[in-house]
Amino acid sequence: MAIQNDRPAIFIAIPKNLNGQLPTNLSPMLNGIEEEQIPVELITLDFDTAVQRAYQASVASRLSVGISFDDQHIIVHYKNLPADQPLFQVAIDNPTNIRKIGANAARLVKGVPFKS
């Protein structure tokens, strides 16, 4: 996996079939990360599951946090956790929760309490 940019950022792993594009219904997640003033970068990873993509993104990120998704869930992973045990797995059910998962991923980087 070759990551072009070495700047510290949360990596959001996009499945290869989406051609590097984040689905529009997940854009509130970017807003949540931005609210916490943490850089974010979209990367394409070719792994079978969202959990695998999120874990590999966390390993590649200098901030140790990776995010991925499938049709039903957003996954947040931290590189020090076991590969098959993500920190968060949240249903993609409404924009408020999607924004909060982004904010909480950024708060993990900052070391401050999560939003409920």
N, C-alpha and C. Protein backbone atom coordinates (compact mmCIF):
# COMPACT_ATOMS: atom_id res chain seq x y z
N MET A 1 0.85 -1.16 0.00
CA MET A 1 0.00 0.00 0.00
C MET A 1 0.90 1.23 0.00
N ALA A 2 0.83 2.01 -1.03
CA ALA A 2 1.64 3.21 -1.15
C ALA A 2 0.77 4.44 -0.90
N ILE A 3 1.07 5.17 0.13
CA ILE A 3 0.35 6.39 0.45
C ILE A 3 1.21 7.55 -0.03
N GLN A 4 0.65 8.40 -0.86
CA GLN A 4 1.40 9.49 -1.48
C GLN A 4 1.79 10.59 -0.49
N ASN A 5 0.89 10.93 0.38
CA ASN A 5 1.10 12.06 1.28
C ASN A 5 1.45 11.55 2.67
N ASP A 6 2.54 12.05 3.23
CA ASP A 6 2.99 11.58 4.53
C ASP A 6 2.58 12.53 5.66
N ARG A 7 1.68 13.46 5.38
CA ARG A 7 1.25 14.38 6.44
C ARG A 7 0.35 13.65 7.43
N PRO A 8 0.37 14.05 8.68
CA PRO A 8 -0.51 13.42 9.67
C PRO A 8 -1.98 13.67 9.30
N ALA A 9 -2.76 12.61 9.23
CA ALA A 9 -4.18 12.72 8.90
C ALA A 9 -4.88 11.43 9.29
N ILE A 10 -6.17 11.55 9.56
CA ILE A 10 -7.02 10.38 9.67
C ILE A 10 -7.24 9.90 8.24
N PHE A 11 -7.06 8.61 8.01
CA PHE A 11 -7.28 8.05 6.68
C PHE A 11 -8.67 7.42 6.61
N ILE A 12 -9.42 7.80 5.59
CA ILE A 12 -10.69 7.15 5.29
C ILE A 12 -10.45 6.25 4.09
N ALA A 13 -10.59 4.95 4.31
CA ALA A 13 -10.34 3.95 3.27
C ALA A 13 -11.59 3.77 2.42
N ILE A 14 -11.43 4.06 1.15
CA ILE A 14 -12.51 3.93 0.18
C ILE A 14 -12.34 2.59 -0.55
N PRO A 15 -13.41 1.81 -0.70
CA PRO A 15 -13.29 0.57 -1.48
C PRO A 15 -12.89 0.89 -2.92
N LYS A 16 -12.16 0.00 -3.52
CA LYS A 16 -11.63 0.21 -4.87
C LYS A 16 -12.75 0.48 -5.88
N ASN A 17 -13.90 -0.16 -5.72
CA ASN A 17 -14.98 -0.01 -6.69
C ASN A 17 -15.63 1.38 -6.69
N LEU A 18 -15.29 2.23 -5.72
CA LEU A 18 -15.87 3.58 -5.67
C LEU A 18 -14.94 4.64 -6.28
N ASN A 19 -13.82 4.20 -6.84
CA ASN A 19 -12.90 5.10 -7.55
C ASN A 19 -12.49 6.32 -6.73
N GLY A 20 -12.22 6.10 -5.44
CA GLY A 20 -11.72 7.18 -4.59
C GLY A 20 -12.75 8.21 -4.18
N GLN A 21 -14.03 7.93 -4.42
CA GLN A 21 -15.09 8.88 -4.10
C GLN A 21 -15.84 8.45 -2.84
N LEU A 22 -15.99 9.38 -1.90
CA LEU A 22 -16.80 9.13 -0.71
C LEU A 22 -18.27 9.31 -1.08
N PRO A 23 -19.14 8.35 -0.75
CA PRO A 23 -20.57 8.54 -1.04
C PRO A 23 -21.09 9.82 -0.39
N THR A 24 -21.96 10.51 -1.09
CA THR A 24 -22.44 11.81 -0.61
C THR A 24 -23.15 11.71 0.74
N ASN A 25 -23.80 10.58 1.04
CA ASN A 25 -24.49 10.47 2.32
C ASN A 25 -23.52 10.39 3.50
N LEU A 26 -22.22 10.19 3.22
CA LEU A 26 -21.22 10.13 4.30
C LEU A 26 -20.45 11.44 4.47
N SER A 27 -20.78 12.46 3.69
CA SER A 27 -20.07 13.74 3.81
C SER A 27 -20.19 14.39 5.19
N PRO A 28 -21.28 14.18 5.96
CA PRO A 28 -21.30 14.72 7.32
C PRO A 28 -20.14 14.21 8.18
N MET A 29 -19.61 13.02 7.87
CA MET A 29 -18.47 12.49 8.62
C MET A 29 -17.26 13.42 8.45
N LEU A 30 -17.06 13.92 7.24
CA LEU A 30 -15.96 14.87 7.01
C LEU A 30 -16.18 16.15 7.80
N ASN A 31 -17.44 16.60 7.90
CA ASN A 31 -17.76 17.79 8.68
C ASN A 31 -17.41 17.59 10.15
N GLY A 32 -17.72 16.40 10.69
CA GLY A 32 -17.42 16.11 12.09
C GLY A 32 -15.92 16.13 12.36
N ILE A 33 -15.15 15.57 11.44
CA ILE A 33 -13.69 15.58 11.59
C ILE A 33 -13.17 17.02 11.50
N GLU A 34 -13.69 17.77 10.53
CA GLU A 34 -13.26 19.16 10.34
C GLU A 34 -13.57 20.02 11.55
N GLU A 35 -14.72 19.78 12.19
CA GLU A 35 -15.09 20.54 13.40
C GLU A 35 -14.03 20.40 14.48
N GLU A 36 -13.39 19.26 14.53
CA GLU A 36 -12.36 19.01 15.54
C GLU A 36 -10.96 19.40 15.05
N GLN A 37 -10.89 19.95 13.86
CA GLN A 37 -9.65 20.50 13.29
C GLN A 37 -8.53 19.46 13.15
N ILE A 38 -8.91 18.27 12.70
CA ILE A 38 -7.94 17.21 12.43
C ILE A 38 -7.94 16.97 10.92
N PRO A 39 -6.77 16.89 10.30
CA PRO A 39 -6.72 16.63 8.86
C PRO A 39 -7.25 15.24 8.52
N VAL A 40 -7.80 15.12 7.33
CA VAL A 40 -8.34 13.85 6.85
C VAL A 40 -7.92 13.66 5.40
N GLU A 41 -7.72 12.41 5.04
CA GLU A 41 -7.33 12.09 3.67
C GLU A 41 -8.08 10.83 3.23
N LEU A 42 -8.60 10.86 2.01
CA LEU A 42 -9.24 9.70 1.42
C LEU A 42 -8.19 8.86 0.71
N ILE A 43 -8.21 7.55 0.98
CA ILE A 43 -7.28 6.64 0.30
C ILE A 43 -8.10 5.45 -0.22
N THR A 44 -7.62 4.82 -1.25
CA THR A 44 -8.28 3.64 -1.79
C THR A 44 -7.53 2.40 -1.32
N LEU A 45 -8.26 1.48 -0.71
CA LEU A 45 -7.69 0.22 -0.25
C LEU A 45 -8.55 -0.93 -0.76
N ASP A 46 -7.91 -1.98 -1.20
CA ASP A 46 -8.61 -3.12 -1.77
C ASP A 46 -8.58 -4.31 -0.80
N PHE A 47 -9.48 -4.30 0.17
CA PHE A 47 -9.64 -5.40 1.12
C PHE A 47 -11.10 -5.81 1.10
N ASP A 48 -11.38 -7.03 1.53
CA ASP A 48 -12.72 -7.59 1.41
C ASP A 48 -13.76 -6.91 2.32
N THR A 49 -13.37 -6.53 3.53
CA THR A 49 -14.36 -6.00 4.47
C THR A 49 -14.00 -4.58 4.90
N ALA A 50 -15.01 -3.88 5.40
CA ALA A 50 -14.80 -2.54 5.92
C ALA A 50 -13.89 -2.56 7.15
N VAL A 51 -14.00 -3.60 7.96
CA VAL A 51 -13.14 -3.71 9.14
C VAL A 51 -11.68 -3.84 8.71
N GLN A 52 -11.41 -4.65 7.71
CA GLN A 52 -10.04 -4.80 7.22
C GLN A 52 -9.52 -3.49 6.64
N ARG A 53 -10.35 -2.80 5.87
CA ARG A 53 -9.94 -1.51 5.29
C ARG A 53 -9.65 -0.48 6.38
N ALA A 54 -10.53 -0.43 7.40
CA ALA A 54 -10.34 0.54 8.48
C ALA A 54 -9.06 0.24 9.25
N TYR A 55 -8.80 -1.03 9.52
CA TYR A 55 -7.58 -1.39 10.24
C TYR A 55 -6.34 -1.02 9.42
N GLN A 56 -6.32 -1.36 8.15
CA GLN A 56 -5.17 -1.04 7.31
C GLN A 56 -4.98 0.48 7.18
N ALA A 57 -6.08 1.22 7.15
CA ALA A 57 -5.99 2.68 7.12
C ALA A 57 -5.38 3.20 8.42
N SER A 58 -5.76 2.60 9.56
CA SER A 58 -5.21 3.05 10.84
C SER A 58 -3.71 2.77 10.93
N VAL A 59 -3.28 1.65 10.38
CA VAL A 59 -1.86 1.30 10.37
C VAL A 59 -1.08 2.26 9.48
N ALA A 60 -1.68 2.67 8.37
CA ALA A 60 -1.01 3.57 7.43
C ALA A 60 -0.99 5.02 7.92
N SER A 61 -1.95 5.40 8.75
CA SER A 61 -2.08 6.79 9.21
C SER A 61 -1.04 7.12 10.27
N ARG A 62 -0.41 8.26 10.12
CA ARG A 62 0.52 8.71 11.17
C ARG A 62 -0.22 9.06 12.46
N LEU A 63 -1.53 9.26 12.38
CA LEU A 63 -2.34 9.53 13.57
C LEU A 63 -2.95 8.27 14.17
N SER A 64 -2.71 7.13 13.53
CA SER A 64 -3.14 5.81 14.03
C SER A 64 -4.63 5.58 14.01
N VAL A 65 -5.39 6.38 13.26
CA VAL A 65 -6.84 6.24 13.18
C VAL A 65 -7.24 6.05 11.73
N GLY A 66 -8.04 5.01 11.49
CA GLY A 66 -8.55 4.74 10.15
C GLY A 66 -10.05 4.53 10.19
N ILE A 67 -10.69 4.91 9.11
CA ILE A 67 -12.15 4.78 8.98
C ILE A 67 -12.44 4.09 7.66
N SER A 68 -13.46 3.27 7.65
CA SER A 68 -13.99 2.73 6.41
C SER A 68 -15.48 2.50 6.59
N PHE A 69 -16.11 1.94 5.58
CA PHE A 69 -17.56 1.78 5.60
C PHE A 69 -17.97 0.69 4.62
N ASP A 70 -19.19 0.22 4.81
CA ASP A 70 -19.83 -0.65 3.84
C ASP A 70 -21.22 -0.07 3.61
N ASP A 71 -22.14 -0.84 3.11
CA ASP A 71 -23.48 -0.32 2.82
C ASP A 71 -24.28 0.06 4.06
N GLN A 72 -23.92 -0.54 5.22
CA GLN A 72 -24.73 -0.35 6.42
C GLN A 72 -24.01 0.27 7.60
N HIS A 73 -22.66 0.23 7.63
CA HIS A 73 -21.93 0.67 8.81
C HIS A 73 -20.71 1.52 8.46
N ILE A 74 -20.34 2.36 9.41
CA ILE A 74 -19.07 3.07 9.39
C ILE A 74 -18.22 2.43 10.48
N ILE A 75 -16.97 2.15 10.16
CA ILE A 75 -16.05 1.50 11.08
C ILE A 75 -14.92 2.47 11.40
N VAL A 76 -14.62 2.65 12.68
CA VAL A 76 -13.44 3.42 13.12
C VAL A 76 -12.50 2.45 13.80
N HIS A 77 -11.25 2.47 13.37
CA HIS A 77 -10.26 1.55 13.94
C HIS A 77 -9.06 2.34 14.45
N TYR A 78 -8.43 1.80 15.46
CA TYR A 78 -7.21 2.35 16.04
C TYR A 78 -6.13 1.30 15.88
N LYS A 79 -4.95 1.70 15.45
CA LYS A 79 -3.93 0.72 15.06
C LYS A 79 -3.45 -0.18 16.20
N ASN A 80 -3.60 0.21 17.45
CA ASN A 80 -3.15 -0.61 18.56
C ASN A 80 -4.18 -1.67 18.99
N LEU A 81 -5.33 -1.68 18.35
CA LEU A 81 -6.34 -2.69 18.64
C LEU A 81 -6.13 -3.90 17.74
N PRO A 82 -6.63 -5.07 18.16
CA PRO A 82 -6.57 -6.23 17.27
C PRO A 82 -7.28 -5.92 15.94
N ALA A 83 -6.76 -6.46 14.86
CA ALA A 83 -7.28 -6.15 13.52
C ALA A 83 -8.76 -6.42 13.37
N ASP A 84 -9.27 -7.41 14.07
CA ASP A 84 -10.68 -7.77 13.92
C ASP A 84 -11.58 -7.15 14.99
N GLN A 85 -11.06 -6.17 15.75
CA GLN A 85 -11.85 -5.54 16.82
C GLN A 85 -11.79 -4.02 16.71
N PRO A 86 -12.61 -3.44 15.83
CA PRO A 86 -12.60 -1.98 15.67
C PRO A 86 -13.11 -1.27 16.93
N LEU A 87 -12.75 -0.01 17.04
CA LEU A 87 -13.19 0.79 18.19
C LEU A 87 -14.68 1.10 18.11
N PHE A 88 -15.14 1.53 16.94
CA PHE A 88 -16.55 1.86 16.73
C PHE A 88 -17.05 1.17 15.47
N GLN A 89 -18.31 0.74 15.54
CA GLN A 89 -19.03 0.30 14.36
C GLN A 89 -20.42 0.88 14.50
N VAL A 90 -20.76 1.85 13.66
CA VAL A 90 -21.99 2.61 13.79
C VAL A 90 -22.83 2.47 12.52
N ALA A 91 -24.13 2.28 12.71
CA ALA A 91 -25.03 2.18 11.56
C ALA A 91 -25.10 3.50 10.81
N ILE A 92 -25.18 3.38 9.51
CA ILE A 92 -25.38 4.56 8.66
C ILE A 92 -26.89 4.78 8.61
N ASP A 93 -27.39 5.55 9.59
CA ASP A 93 -28.84 5.70 9.68
C ASP A 93 -29.32 7.14 9.65
N ASN A 94 -28.48 8.09 10.03
CA ASN A 94 -28.88 9.49 9.91
C ASN A 94 -27.65 10.39 9.92
N PRO A 95 -27.75 11.57 9.31
CA PRO A 95 -26.60 12.47 9.19
C PRO A 95 -25.98 12.89 10.52
N THR A 96 -26.80 13.01 11.57
CA THR A 96 -26.25 13.42 12.87
C THR A 96 -25.29 12.37 13.40
N ASN A 97 -25.66 11.11 13.33
CA ASN A 97 -24.77 10.04 13.79
C ASN A 97 -23.53 9.93 12.92
N ILE A 98 -23.70 10.16 11.64
CA ILE A 98 -22.55 10.11 10.72
C ILE A 98 -21.56 11.22 11.06
N ARG A 99 -22.07 12.42 11.36
CA ARG A 99 -21.19 13.53 11.76
C ARG A 99 -20.50 13.23 13.09
N LYS A 100 -21.24 12.66 14.03
CA LYS A 100 -20.67 12.33 15.34
C LYS A 100 -19.54 11.30 15.23
N ILE A 101 -19.67 10.32 14.36
CA ILE A 101 -18.62 9.32 14.23
C ILE A 101 -17.35 9.98 13.70
N GLY A 102 -17.48 10.93 12.80
CA GLY A 102 -16.31 11.68 12.33
C GLY A 102 -15.69 12.49 13.45
N ALA A 103 -16.52 13.17 14.21
CA ALA A 103 -16.02 13.96 15.34
C ALA A 103 -15.33 13.08 16.37
N ASN A 104 -15.91 11.91 16.64
CA ASN A 104 -15.33 11.01 17.64
C ASN A 104 -14.02 10.40 17.16
N ALA A 105 -13.89 10.15 15.87
CA ALA A 105 -12.61 9.68 15.34
C ALA A 105 -11.55 10.75 15.55
N ALA A 106 -11.91 12.00 15.30
CA ALA A 106 -10.97 13.10 15.51
C ALA A 106 -10.66 13.29 17.00
N ARG A 107 -11.64 13.11 17.85
CA ARG A 107 -11.42 13.23 19.29
C ARG A 107 -10.51 12.13 19.81
N LEU A 108 -10.55 10.97 19.18
CA LEU A 108 -9.61 9.91 19.53
C LEU A 108 -8.18 10.39 19.31
N VAL A 109 -7.94 11.07 18.21
CA VAL A 109 -6.61 11.62 17.93
C VAL A 109 -6.23 12.65 18.98
N LYS A 110 -7.18 13.50 19.35
CA LYS A 110 -6.91 14.58 20.31
C LYS A 110 -6.83 14.11 21.75
N GLY A 111 -7.39 12.91 22.02
CA GLY A 111 -7.38 12.39 23.39
C GLY A 111 -8.39 13.08 24.29
N VAL A 112 -9.51 13.51 23.73
CA VAL A 112 -10.56 14.13 24.53
C VAL A 112 -11.79 13.22 24.52
N PRO A 113 -12.73 13.40 25.48
CA PRO A 113 -13.90 12.54 25.56
C PRO A 113 -14.74 12.56 24.27
N PHE A 114 -15.36 11.43 23.99
CA PHE A 114 -16.20 11.28 22.81
C PHE A 114 -17.53 11.99 22.99
N LYS A 115 -18.13 12.39 21.86
CA LYS A 115 -19.49 12.93 21.86
C LYS A 115 -20.47 11.78 21.91
N SER A 116 -21.55 11.96 22.65
CA SER A 116 -22.56 10.89 22.71
C SER A 116 -23.74 11.22 21.83
